[in-house]
Amino acid sequence: MGASLWYLSRATGVASIVLLTAVVVLGALVSGRRRPHGEQATVVMAVHRWLSLGMVVFLVAHVATAVGETYVNIDLVSVLVPFTSGYETVWVGLGTLAVDVLVAVLVTSWWRHRLPERAWRAVHYAAYLLWPAALVHGLVLGTSDEPLLLGVTVLAGAAGTAAVLWRLLARPHHDRARRDVVLGQEWT
């Protein structure tokens, strides 16, 4: 049973990073300066949210199988507190850190209507940190001896990197000065 859970953990981990990458790509698209408008924006946001939900489901399965399998020893504390695992402390810790940041992003997204826009946005930008941490976690721990998993993870990394660069390097929005004034106002 331990080997089956180990392989299931790896598979759900790769599925999680692929879905997380899709969420990051769509998030960069809808938050960028050249974002879609009208019905397109609605569809892209809906897909972003649904893929996020799917990613969380696969991530929960990944964590549950990693804790449940007996091939390596990863305990519940290591799932919640980064860099406490006895197995591959740094790499498991990066995964734990990514999960912790993801929880913050999820909670603030669920409560977005009750939070100031700037607070939600600041926490949501942390996804740009959680994604590379999860990617490195997966590259080092889950794909080292499996070319197919490595290839999928590398492609996910390339796609996510391209989207983030596109987001960062896109020309400024035509009404940037007005947006800065609005963002500087008090939100109630």
N, C-alpha and C. Protein backbone atom coordinates (compact mmCIF):
# COMPACT_ATOMS: atom_id res chain seq x y z
N MET A 1 0.82 -1.21 0.00
CA MET A 1 0.00 0.00 0.00
C MET A 1 0.86 1.25 0.00
N GLY A 2 2.02 1.22 0.69
CA GLY A 2 2.88 2.39 0.78
C GLY A 2 3.37 2.87 -0.57
N ALA A 3 3.76 1.95 -1.45
CA ALA A 3 4.25 2.34 -2.77
C ALA A 3 3.13 2.95 -3.61
N SER A 4 1.92 2.42 -3.49
CA SER A 4 0.79 2.98 -4.24
C SER A 4 0.52 4.43 -3.81
N LEU A 5 0.53 4.66 -2.50
CA LEU A 5 0.32 6.02 -2.01
C LEU A 5 1.46 6.95 -2.44
N TRP A 6 2.68 6.42 -2.47
CA TRP A 6 3.83 7.22 -2.90
C TRP A 6 3.63 7.69 -4.35
N TYR A 7 3.23 6.77 -5.23
CA TYR A 7 3.00 7.13 -6.63
C TYR A 7 1.80 8.06 -6.78
N LEU A 8 0.76 7.82 -5.99
CA LEU A 8 -0.40 8.70 -6.02
C LEU A 8 -0.03 10.10 -5.53
N SER A 9 0.82 10.17 -4.52
CA SER A 9 1.28 11.46 -4.02
C SER A 9 2.04 12.22 -5.11
N ARG A 10 2.91 11.54 -5.81
CA ARG A 10 3.67 12.17 -6.89
C ARG A 10 2.74 12.64 -8.00
N ALA A 11 1.79 11.79 -8.38
CA ALA A 11 0.86 12.14 -9.46
C ALA A 11 -0.01 13.33 -9.09
N THR A 12 -0.54 13.34 -7.87
CA THR A 12 -1.38 14.46 -7.45
C THR A 12 -0.54 15.72 -7.26
N GLY A 13 0.73 15.56 -6.92
CA GLY A 13 1.61 16.72 -6.82
C GLY A 13 1.85 17.36 -8.18
N VAL A 14 2.09 16.54 -9.19
CA VAL A 14 2.30 17.08 -10.54
C VAL A 14 1.00 17.69 -11.07
N ALA A 15 -0.14 17.03 -10.82
CA ALA A 15 -1.42 17.61 -11.23
C ALA A 15 -1.63 18.95 -10.53
N SER A 16 -1.25 19.04 -9.26
CA SER A 16 -1.39 20.30 -8.51
C SER A 16 -0.54 21.40 -9.11
N ILE A 17 0.71 21.09 -9.49
CA ILE A 17 1.57 22.14 -10.04
C ILE A 17 1.10 22.57 -11.42
N VAL A 18 0.55 21.64 -12.20
CA VAL A 18 0.00 22.00 -13.51
C VAL A 18 -1.20 22.92 -13.33
N LEU A 19 -2.10 22.56 -12.42
CA LEU A 19 -3.27 23.41 -12.17
C LEU A 19 -2.88 24.74 -11.55
N LEU A 20 -1.92 24.73 -10.63
CA LEU A 20 -1.45 25.98 -10.04
C LEU A 20 -0.85 26.88 -11.11
N THR A 21 -0.11 26.30 -12.03
CA THR A 21 0.48 27.09 -13.11
C THR A 21 -0.63 27.69 -13.98
N ALA A 22 -1.65 26.91 -14.30
CA ALA A 22 -2.77 27.44 -15.07
C ALA A 22 -3.45 28.59 -14.34
N VAL A 23 -3.59 28.45 -13.02
CA VAL A 23 -4.20 29.52 -12.21
C VAL A 23 -3.32 30.77 -12.23
N VAL A 24 -2.01 30.59 -12.10
CA VAL A 24 -1.09 31.74 -12.15
C VAL A 24 -1.14 32.41 -13.52
N VAL A 25 -1.16 31.61 -14.58
CA VAL A 25 -1.22 32.17 -15.94
C VAL A 25 -2.51 32.97 -16.11
N LEU A 26 -3.64 32.40 -15.72
CA LEU A 26 -4.91 33.12 -15.85
C LEU A 26 -4.96 34.34 -14.92
N GLY A 27 -4.40 34.20 -13.72
CA GLY A 27 -4.35 35.35 -12.81
C GLY A 27 -3.52 36.49 -13.39
N ALA A 28 -2.40 36.15 -14.01
CA ALA A 28 -1.57 37.18 -14.66
C ALA A 28 -2.33 37.82 -15.81
N LEU A 29 -3.10 37.02 -16.52
CA LEU A 29 -3.87 37.54 -17.65
C LEU A 29 -4.95 38.50 -17.19
N VAL A 30 -5.71 38.15 -16.17
CA VAL A 30 -6.82 39.01 -15.74
C VAL A 30 -6.35 40.21 -14.93
N SER A 31 -5.15 40.15 -14.37
CA SER A 31 -4.68 41.30 -13.59
C SER A 31 -3.75 42.18 -14.40
N GLY A 32 -3.40 41.76 -15.59
CA GLY A 32 -2.45 42.51 -16.41
C GLY A 32 -3.05 43.75 -17.01
N ARG A 33 -2.20 44.51 -17.62
CA ARG A 33 -2.61 45.77 -18.23
C ARG A 33 -3.34 45.54 -19.55
N ARG A 34 -3.17 44.38 -20.13
CA ARG A 34 -3.87 44.05 -21.38
C ARG A 34 -4.89 42.96 -21.12
N ARG A 35 -5.61 43.09 -20.06
CA ARG A 35 -6.57 42.06 -19.65
C ARG A 35 -7.77 42.03 -20.59
N PRO A 36 -8.46 40.88 -20.62
CA PRO A 36 -9.68 40.78 -21.43
C PRO A 36 -10.79 41.65 -20.85
N HIS A 37 -11.75 41.98 -21.67
CA HIS A 37 -12.85 42.84 -21.23
C HIS A 37 -14.19 42.14 -21.46
N GLY A 38 -15.21 42.63 -20.79
CA GLY A 38 -16.56 42.13 -20.99
C GLY A 38 -16.73 40.68 -20.64
N GLU A 39 -17.42 39.95 -21.53
CA GLU A 39 -17.71 38.54 -21.28
C GLU A 39 -16.44 37.71 -21.22
N GLN A 40 -15.42 38.07 -21.99
CA GLN A 40 -14.16 37.33 -21.95
C GLN A 40 -13.55 37.36 -20.56
N ALA A 41 -13.57 38.52 -19.94
CA ALA A 41 -13.00 38.66 -18.60
C ALA A 41 -13.78 37.81 -17.60
N THR A 42 -15.10 37.77 -17.75
CA THR A 42 -15.94 36.96 -16.86
C THR A 42 -15.60 35.48 -17.00
N VAL A 43 -15.45 35.03 -18.23
CA VAL A 43 -15.13 33.62 -18.48
C VAL A 43 -13.75 33.28 -17.92
N VAL A 44 -12.77 34.15 -18.18
CA VAL A 44 -11.41 33.88 -17.70
C VAL A 44 -11.37 33.85 -16.17
N MET A 45 -12.08 34.78 -15.53
CA MET A 45 -12.13 34.79 -14.05
C MET A 45 -12.80 33.53 -13.52
N ALA A 46 -13.87 33.10 -14.17
CA ALA A 46 -14.56 31.89 -13.72
C ALA A 46 -13.65 30.67 -13.87
N VAL A 47 -12.94 30.57 -14.98
CA VAL A 47 -12.02 29.45 -15.17
C VAL A 47 -10.90 29.52 -14.13
N HIS A 48 -10.39 30.73 -13.85
CA HIS A 48 -9.36 30.93 -12.84
C HIS A 48 -9.83 30.39 -11.49
N ARG A 49 -11.05 30.72 -11.12
CA ARG A 49 -11.58 30.28 -9.82
C ARG A 49 -11.82 28.77 -9.79
N TRP A 50 -12.37 28.20 -10.83
CA TRP A 50 -12.64 26.77 -10.86
C TRP A 50 -11.36 25.96 -10.89
N LEU A 51 -10.38 26.41 -11.65
CA LEU A 51 -9.09 25.71 -11.65
C LEU A 51 -8.43 25.81 -10.28
N SER A 52 -8.61 26.94 -9.60
CA SER A 52 -8.09 27.08 -8.24
C SER A 52 -8.71 26.04 -7.32
N LEU A 53 -10.01 25.86 -7.44
CA LEU A 53 -10.70 24.87 -6.63
C LEU A 53 -10.18 23.46 -6.95
N GLY A 54 -10.04 23.16 -8.22
CA GLY A 54 -9.50 21.86 -8.62
C GLY A 54 -8.10 21.63 -8.09
N MET A 55 -7.28 22.67 -8.15
CA MET A 55 -5.91 22.58 -7.65
C MET A 55 -5.91 22.29 -6.16
N VAL A 56 -6.79 22.92 -5.42
CA VAL A 56 -6.87 22.68 -3.98
C VAL A 56 -7.25 21.22 -3.71
N VAL A 57 -8.17 20.68 -4.47
CA VAL A 57 -8.57 19.28 -4.30
C VAL A 57 -7.37 18.36 -4.53
N PHE A 58 -6.64 18.58 -5.63
CA PHE A 58 -5.47 17.75 -5.89
C PHE A 58 -4.38 17.95 -4.84
N LEU A 59 -4.24 19.19 -4.36
CA LEU A 59 -3.23 19.46 -3.33
C LEU A 59 -3.56 18.76 -2.02
N VAL A 60 -4.83 18.77 -1.64
CA VAL A 60 -5.24 18.06 -0.43
C VAL A 60 -4.94 16.56 -0.58
N ALA A 61 -5.23 16.01 -1.75
CA ALA A 61 -4.92 14.60 -2.00
C ALA A 61 -3.41 14.37 -1.95
N HIS A 62 -2.64 15.30 -2.49
CA HIS A 62 -1.17 15.19 -2.48
C HIS A 62 -0.65 15.16 -1.04
N VAL A 63 -1.10 16.09 -0.24
CA VAL A 63 -0.64 16.18 1.15
C VAL A 63 -1.11 14.95 1.94
N ALA A 64 -2.36 14.56 1.76
CA ALA A 64 -2.89 13.41 2.50
C ALA A 64 -2.12 12.13 2.15
N THR A 65 -1.83 11.94 0.89
CA THR A 65 -1.10 10.73 0.51
C THR A 65 0.36 10.80 0.94
N ALA A 66 0.95 11.99 0.95
CA ALA A 66 2.33 12.13 1.42
C ALA A 66 2.43 11.80 2.90
N VAL A 67 1.44 12.20 3.68
CA VAL A 67 1.44 11.90 5.11
C VAL A 67 1.07 10.43 5.34
N GLY A 68 0.15 9.91 4.55
CA GLY A 68 -0.34 8.56 4.76
C GLY A 68 0.58 7.45 4.30
N GLU A 69 1.40 7.71 3.31
CA GLU A 69 2.27 6.64 2.82
C GLU A 69 3.42 6.39 3.79
N THR A 70 4.05 5.23 3.65
CA THR A 70 5.10 4.85 4.60
C THR A 70 6.48 4.76 3.95
N TYR A 71 6.58 5.12 2.67
CA TYR A 71 7.86 5.06 1.98
C TYR A 71 8.86 6.04 2.60
N VAL A 72 8.38 7.24 2.91
CA VAL A 72 9.16 8.22 3.67
C VAL A 72 8.28 8.69 4.83
N ASN A 73 8.89 9.34 5.81
CA ASN A 73 8.13 9.78 6.97
C ASN A 73 7.93 11.28 6.93
N ILE A 74 6.71 11.69 6.60
CA ILE A 74 6.33 13.10 6.65
C ILE A 74 5.12 13.17 7.58
N ASP A 75 5.28 13.89 8.69
CA ASP A 75 4.20 13.93 9.67
C ASP A 75 3.33 15.18 9.48
N LEU A 76 2.25 15.24 10.25
CA LEU A 76 1.31 16.35 10.14
C LEU A 76 1.94 17.69 10.51
N VAL A 77 2.85 17.70 11.46
CA VAL A 77 3.52 18.95 11.84
C VAL A 77 4.29 19.51 10.64
N SER A 78 4.93 18.63 9.89
CA SER A 78 5.69 19.06 8.72
C SER A 78 4.81 19.62 7.62
N VAL A 79 3.54 19.27 7.64
CA VAL A 79 2.59 19.81 6.66
C VAL A 79 2.24 21.25 7.00
N LEU A 80 2.27 21.59 8.28
CA LEU A 80 1.84 22.91 8.73
C LEU A 80 3.00 23.86 9.04
N VAL A 81 4.10 23.31 9.53
CA VAL A 81 5.24 24.14 9.95
C VAL A 81 6.41 23.88 9.00
N PRO A 82 6.81 24.90 8.25
CA PRO A 82 7.88 24.70 7.26
C PRO A 82 9.21 24.31 7.91
N PHE A 83 9.95 23.49 7.17
CA PHE A 83 11.32 23.11 7.51
C PHE A 83 11.44 22.30 8.81
N THR A 84 10.41 21.47 9.09
CA THR A 84 10.46 20.61 10.27
C THR A 84 10.46 19.14 9.92
N SER A 85 10.42 18.82 8.65
CA SER A 85 10.37 17.41 8.24
C SER A 85 11.73 16.74 8.42
N GLY A 86 11.70 15.50 8.82
CA GLY A 86 12.93 14.72 8.92
C GLY A 86 13.39 14.23 7.56
N TYR A 87 12.51 14.24 6.58
CA TYR A 87 12.83 13.81 5.22
C TYR A 87 13.00 15.04 4.34
N GLU A 88 14.16 15.21 3.74
CA GLU A 88 14.42 16.31 2.80
C GLU A 88 13.86 17.64 3.35
N THR A 89 14.40 18.05 4.46
CA THR A 89 13.87 19.18 5.23
C THR A 89 13.63 20.44 4.39
N VAL A 90 14.60 20.83 3.60
CA VAL A 90 14.47 22.07 2.82
C VAL A 90 13.39 21.94 1.76
N TRP A 91 13.39 20.83 1.02
CA TRP A 91 12.47 20.69 -0.11
C TRP A 91 11.04 20.45 0.35
N VAL A 92 10.85 19.66 1.39
CA VAL A 92 9.52 19.49 1.95
C VAL A 92 9.07 20.83 2.57
N GLY A 93 10.01 21.54 3.19
CA GLY A 93 9.71 22.84 3.78
C GLY A 93 9.23 23.85 2.75
N LEU A 94 9.81 23.82 1.54
CA LEU A 94 9.33 24.72 0.48
C LEU A 94 7.88 24.39 0.12
N GLY A 95 7.57 23.11 0.05
CA GLY A 95 6.19 22.72 -0.22
C GLY A 95 5.26 23.17 0.89
N THR A 96 5.69 23.01 2.13
CA THR A 96 4.88 23.46 3.27
C THR A 96 4.69 24.96 3.24
N LEU A 97 5.75 25.68 2.94
CA LEU A 97 5.65 27.14 2.83
C LEU A 97 4.65 27.53 1.75
N ALA A 98 4.69 26.84 0.62
CA ALA A 98 3.74 27.12 -0.46
C ALA A 98 2.31 26.85 -0.01
N VAL A 99 2.10 25.76 0.73
CA VAL A 99 0.76 25.45 1.24
C VAL A 99 0.30 26.53 2.21
N ASP A 100 1.18 26.98 3.09
CA ASP A 100 0.81 28.02 4.05
C ASP A 100 0.41 29.32 3.34
N VAL A 101 1.18 29.70 2.34
CA VAL A 101 0.85 30.92 1.57
C VAL A 101 -0.46 30.71 0.82
N LEU A 102 -0.65 29.52 0.27
CA LEU A 102 -1.89 29.23 -0.45
C LEU A 102 -3.10 29.36 0.48
N VAL A 103 -2.97 28.88 1.70
CA VAL A 103 -4.08 29.01 2.66
C VAL A 103 -4.40 30.49 2.88
N ALA A 104 -3.37 31.33 3.02
CA ALA A 104 -3.60 32.77 3.20
C ALA A 104 -4.30 33.37 1.98
N VAL A 105 -3.87 32.97 0.79
CA VAL A 105 -4.50 33.47 -0.44
C VAL A 105 -5.96 33.01 -0.51
N LEU A 106 -6.21 31.76 -0.18
CA LEU A 106 -7.59 31.24 -0.21
C LEU A 106 -8.49 31.94 0.79
N VAL A 107 -8.01 32.08 2.02
CA VAL A 107 -8.84 32.71 3.05
C VAL A 107 -9.17 34.15 2.68
N THR A 108 -8.17 34.89 2.22
CA THR A 108 -8.44 36.29 1.85
C THR A 108 -9.32 36.36 0.60
N SER A 109 -9.24 35.37 -0.27
CA SER A 109 -10.13 35.37 -1.44
C SER A 109 -11.57 35.10 -1.03
N TRP A 110 -11.78 34.17 -0.08
CA TRP A 110 -13.13 33.91 0.40
C TRP A 110 -13.71 35.13 1.10
N TRP A 111 -12.87 35.89 1.77
CA TRP A 111 -13.33 37.07 2.51
C TRP A 111 -13.07 38.37 1.76
N ARG A 112 -12.85 38.29 0.49
CA ARG A 112 -12.47 39.47 -0.29
C ARG A 112 -13.46 40.62 -0.13
N HIS A 113 -14.73 40.31 -0.11
CA HIS A 113 -15.76 41.35 0.01
C HIS A 113 -15.74 42.04 1.38
N ARG A 114 -15.04 41.47 2.35
CA ARG A 114 -14.95 42.07 3.69
C ARG A 114 -13.60 42.72 3.96
N LEU A 115 -12.68 42.60 3.03
CA LEU A 115 -11.33 43.13 3.21
C LEU A 115 -11.11 44.36 2.34
N PRO A 116 -10.23 45.24 2.77
CA PRO A 116 -9.85 46.33 1.87
C PRO A 116 -9.17 45.76 0.62
N GLU A 117 -9.43 46.36 -0.50
CA GLU A 117 -8.87 45.90 -1.77
C GLU A 117 -7.35 45.77 -1.71
N ARG A 118 -6.70 46.74 -1.09
CA ARG A 118 -5.24 46.70 -1.02
C ARG A 118 -4.73 45.52 -0.19
N ALA A 119 -5.43 45.18 0.87
CA ALA A 119 -5.01 44.04 1.70
C ALA A 119 -5.18 42.74 0.92
N TRP A 120 -6.33 42.59 0.25
CA TRP A 120 -6.54 41.38 -0.55
C TRP A 120 -5.47 41.27 -1.63
N ARG A 121 -5.22 42.37 -2.32
CA ARG A 121 -4.25 42.35 -3.42
C ARG A 121 -2.84 42.02 -2.91
N ALA A 122 -2.46 42.57 -1.78
CA ALA A 122 -1.12 42.31 -1.22
C ALA A 122 -0.94 40.82 -0.92
N VAL A 123 -1.96 40.21 -0.31
CA VAL A 123 -1.87 38.78 -0.01
C VAL A 123 -1.92 37.96 -1.30
N HIS A 124 -2.75 38.39 -2.23
CA HIS A 124 -2.89 37.65 -3.48
C HIS A 124 -1.59 37.67 -4.29
N TYR A 125 -0.84 38.74 -4.20
CA TYR A 125 0.45 38.80 -4.90
C TYR A 125 1.42 37.75 -4.35
N ALA A 126 1.17 37.25 -3.16
CA ALA A 126 2.02 36.20 -2.59
C ALA A 126 1.97 34.93 -3.43
N ALA A 127 0.95 34.79 -4.26
CA ALA A 127 0.88 33.63 -5.16
C ALA A 127 2.07 33.60 -6.10
N TYR A 128 2.61 34.77 -6.40
CA TYR A 128 3.81 34.84 -7.25
C TYR A 128 5.04 34.30 -6.51
N LEU A 129 4.96 34.17 -5.20
CA LEU A 129 6.03 33.54 -4.43
C LEU A 129 5.74 32.07 -4.17
N LEU A 130 4.48 31.75 -3.96
CA LEU A 130 4.12 30.36 -3.67
C LEU A 130 4.34 29.47 -4.88
N TRP A 131 4.08 29.98 -6.07
CA TRP A 131 4.22 29.17 -7.28
C TRP A 131 5.66 28.67 -7.49
N PRO A 132 6.68 29.55 -7.44
CA PRO A 132 8.03 29.01 -7.63
C PRO A 132 8.47 28.08 -6.49
N ALA A 133 8.01 28.35 -5.27
CA ALA A 133 8.35 27.44 -4.16
C ALA A 133 7.76 26.05 -4.42
N ALA A 134 6.51 26.00 -4.86
CA ALA A 134 5.88 24.72 -5.18
C ALA A 134 6.57 24.06 -6.36
N LEU A 135 6.96 24.85 -7.34
CA LEU A 135 7.63 24.31 -8.53
C LEU A 135 8.98 23.67 -8.16
N VAL A 136 9.77 24.37 -7.36
CA VAL A 136 11.07 23.82 -6.94
C VAL A 136 10.85 22.57 -6.09
N HIS A 137 9.88 22.61 -5.18
CA HIS A 137 9.53 21.44 -4.37
C HIS A 137 9.25 20.24 -5.27
N GLY A 138 8.45 20.44 -6.29
CA GLY A 138 8.11 19.36 -7.20
C GLY A 138 9.27 18.90 -8.06
N LEU A 139 10.07 19.85 -8.52
CA LEU A 139 11.22 19.48 -9.36
C LEU A 139 12.21 18.61 -8.58
N VAL A 140 12.48 18.99 -7.36
CA VAL A 140 13.49 18.28 -6.59
C VAL A 140 12.97 16.95 -6.04
N LEU A 141 11.75 16.96 -5.51
CA LEU A 141 11.27 15.76 -4.82
C LEU A 141 10.47 14.80 -5.71
N GLY A 142 9.74 15.31 -6.64
CA GLY A 142 8.79 14.44 -7.32
C GLY A 142 9.16 14.00 -8.71
N THR A 143 10.16 14.61 -9.32
CA THR A 143 10.39 14.33 -10.73
C THR A 143 11.80 13.87 -11.03
N SER A 144 12.65 13.78 -10.05
CA SER A 144 14.08 13.55 -10.30
C SER A 144 14.37 12.28 -11.07
N ASP A 145 13.60 11.23 -10.89
CA ASP A 145 13.89 9.97 -11.57
C ASP A 145 12.81 9.58 -12.57
N GLU A 146 11.96 10.51 -12.92
CA GLU A 146 10.86 10.21 -13.84
C GLU A 146 10.81 11.27 -14.95
N PRO A 147 11.29 10.95 -16.16
CA PRO A 147 11.38 11.95 -17.24
C PRO A 147 10.04 12.58 -17.60
N LEU A 148 8.95 11.82 -17.59
CA LEU A 148 7.66 12.38 -17.95
C LEU A 148 7.22 13.44 -16.93
N LEU A 149 7.34 13.12 -15.64
CA LEU A 149 6.98 14.09 -14.60
C LEU A 149 7.89 15.31 -14.66
N LEU A 150 9.17 15.07 -14.90
CA LEU A 150 10.11 16.18 -15.03
C LEU A 150 9.73 17.08 -16.20
N GLY A 151 9.42 16.48 -17.32
CA GLY A 151 9.03 17.25 -18.50
C GLY A 151 7.79 18.09 -18.27
N VAL A 152 6.78 17.50 -17.65
CA VAL A 152 5.54 18.22 -17.36
C VAL A 152 5.82 19.39 -16.42
N THR A 153 6.62 19.14 -15.40
CA THR A 153 6.93 20.19 -14.42
C THR A 153 7.76 21.31 -15.06
N VAL A 154 8.71 20.95 -15.90
CA VAL A 154 9.52 21.97 -16.59
C VAL A 154 8.64 22.80 -17.53
N LEU A 155 7.74 22.15 -18.26
CA LEU A 155 6.81 22.89 -19.13
C LEU A 155 5.92 23.83 -18.32
N ALA A 156 5.46 23.36 -17.17
CA ALA A 156 4.66 24.22 -16.30
C ALA A 156 5.49 25.42 -15.85
N GLY A 157 6.75 25.17 -15.51
CA GLY A 157 7.63 26.27 -15.11
C GLY A 157 7.84 27.28 -16.23
N ALA A 158 8.01 26.80 -17.44
CA ALA A 158 8.20 27.70 -18.59
C ALA A 158 6.94 28.52 -18.85
N ALA A 159 5.79 27.87 -18.80
CA ALA A 159 4.53 28.59 -19.04
C ALA A 159 4.28 29.64 -17.96
N GLY A 160 4.49 29.27 -16.71
CA GLY A 160 4.28 30.22 -15.62
C GLY A 160 5.25 31.38 -15.67
N THR A 161 6.51 31.08 -15.98
CA THR A 161 7.52 32.14 -16.09
C THR A 161 7.16 33.10 -17.21
N ALA A 162 6.73 32.58 -18.34
CA ALA A 162 6.34 33.43 -19.47
C ALA A 162 5.17 34.34 -19.08
N ALA A 163 4.19 33.79 -18.38
CA ALA A 163 3.03 34.59 -17.97
C ALA A 163 3.42 35.69 -16.98
N VAL A 164 4.26 35.34 -16.03
CA VAL A 164 4.69 36.34 -15.03
C VAL A 164 5.51 37.44 -15.71
N LEU A 165 6.41 37.05 -16.61
CA LEU A 165 7.20 38.07 -17.35
C LEU A 165 6.29 38.94 -18.19
N TRP A 166 5.30 38.34 -18.84
CA TRP A 166 4.36 39.12 -19.63
C TRP A 166 3.64 40.12 -18.74
N ARG A 167 3.24 39.68 -17.56
CA ARG A 167 2.54 40.55 -16.61
C ARG A 167 3.42 41.70 -16.15
N LEU A 168 4.70 41.40 -15.87
CA LEU A 168 5.61 42.42 -15.36
C LEU A 168 6.09 43.39 -16.44
N LEU A 169 6.22 42.90 -17.67
CA LEU A 169 6.80 43.72 -18.72
C LEU A 169 5.78 44.39 -19.63
N ALA A 170 4.50 44.15 -19.42
CA ALA A 170 3.47 44.78 -20.24
C ALA A 170 3.52 46.29 -20.04
N ARG A 171 3.23 46.99 -21.10
CA ARG A 171 3.29 48.47 -21.01
C ARG A 171 2.25 48.97 -20.01
N PRO A 172 2.51 50.10 -19.38
CA PRO A 172 1.59 50.64 -18.37
C PRO A 172 0.20 50.90 -18.96
N HIS A 173 -0.79 50.77 -18.12
CA HIS A 173 -2.16 51.03 -18.53
C HIS A 173 -2.32 52.51 -18.85
N HIS A 174 -3.18 52.83 -19.80
CA HIS A 174 -3.33 54.21 -20.26
C HIS A 174 -3.82 55.16 -19.16
N ASP A 175 -4.52 54.67 -18.15
CA ASP A 175 -4.98 55.56 -17.08
C ASP A 175 -4.30 55.22 -15.75
N ARG A 176 -3.00 54.92 -15.81
CA ARG A 176 -2.24 54.51 -14.63
C ARG A 176 -2.27 55.56 -13.51
N ALA A 177 -2.15 56.84 -13.87
CA ALA A 177 -2.14 57.90 -12.85
C ALA A 177 -3.47 57.92 -12.09
N ARG A 178 -4.58 57.78 -12.80
CA ARG A 178 -5.90 57.77 -12.15
C ARG A 178 -6.05 56.54 -11.25
N ARG A 179 -5.56 55.39 -11.70
CA ARG A 179 -5.63 54.18 -10.90
C ARG A 179 -4.82 54.33 -9.61
N ASP A 180 -3.66 54.97 -9.69
CA ASP A 180 -2.85 55.18 -8.50
C ASP A 180 -3.56 56.06 -7.49
N VAL A 181 -4.27 57.08 -7.96
CA VAL A 181 -5.04 57.94 -7.06
C VAL A 181 -6.15 57.14 -6.38
N VAL A 182 -6.86 56.34 -7.15
CA VAL A 182 -7.95 55.53 -6.59
C VAL A 182 -7.40 54.52 -5.59
N LEU A 183 -6.30 53.86 -5.91
CA LEU A 183 -5.71 52.90 -4.99
C LEU A 183 -5.23 53.54 -3.69
N GLY A 184 -4.86 54.81 -3.76
CA GLY A 184 -4.39 55.52 -2.58
C GLY A 184 -5.51 55.97 -1.66
N GLN A 185 -6.74 55.89 -2.14
CA GLN A 185 -7.88 56.32 -1.33
C GLN A 185 -8.22 55.29 -0.27
N GLU A 186 -8.89 55.73 0.76
CA GLU A 186 -9.34 54.84 1.84
C GLU A 186 -10.52 54.01 1.33
N TRP A 187 -10.42 52.67 1.55
CA TRP A 187 -11.51 51.76 1.16
C TRP A 187 -12.35 51.44 2.37
N THR A 188 -13.64 51.56 2.20
CA THR A 188 -14.54 51.26 3.33
C THR A 188 -15.49 50.16 3.00
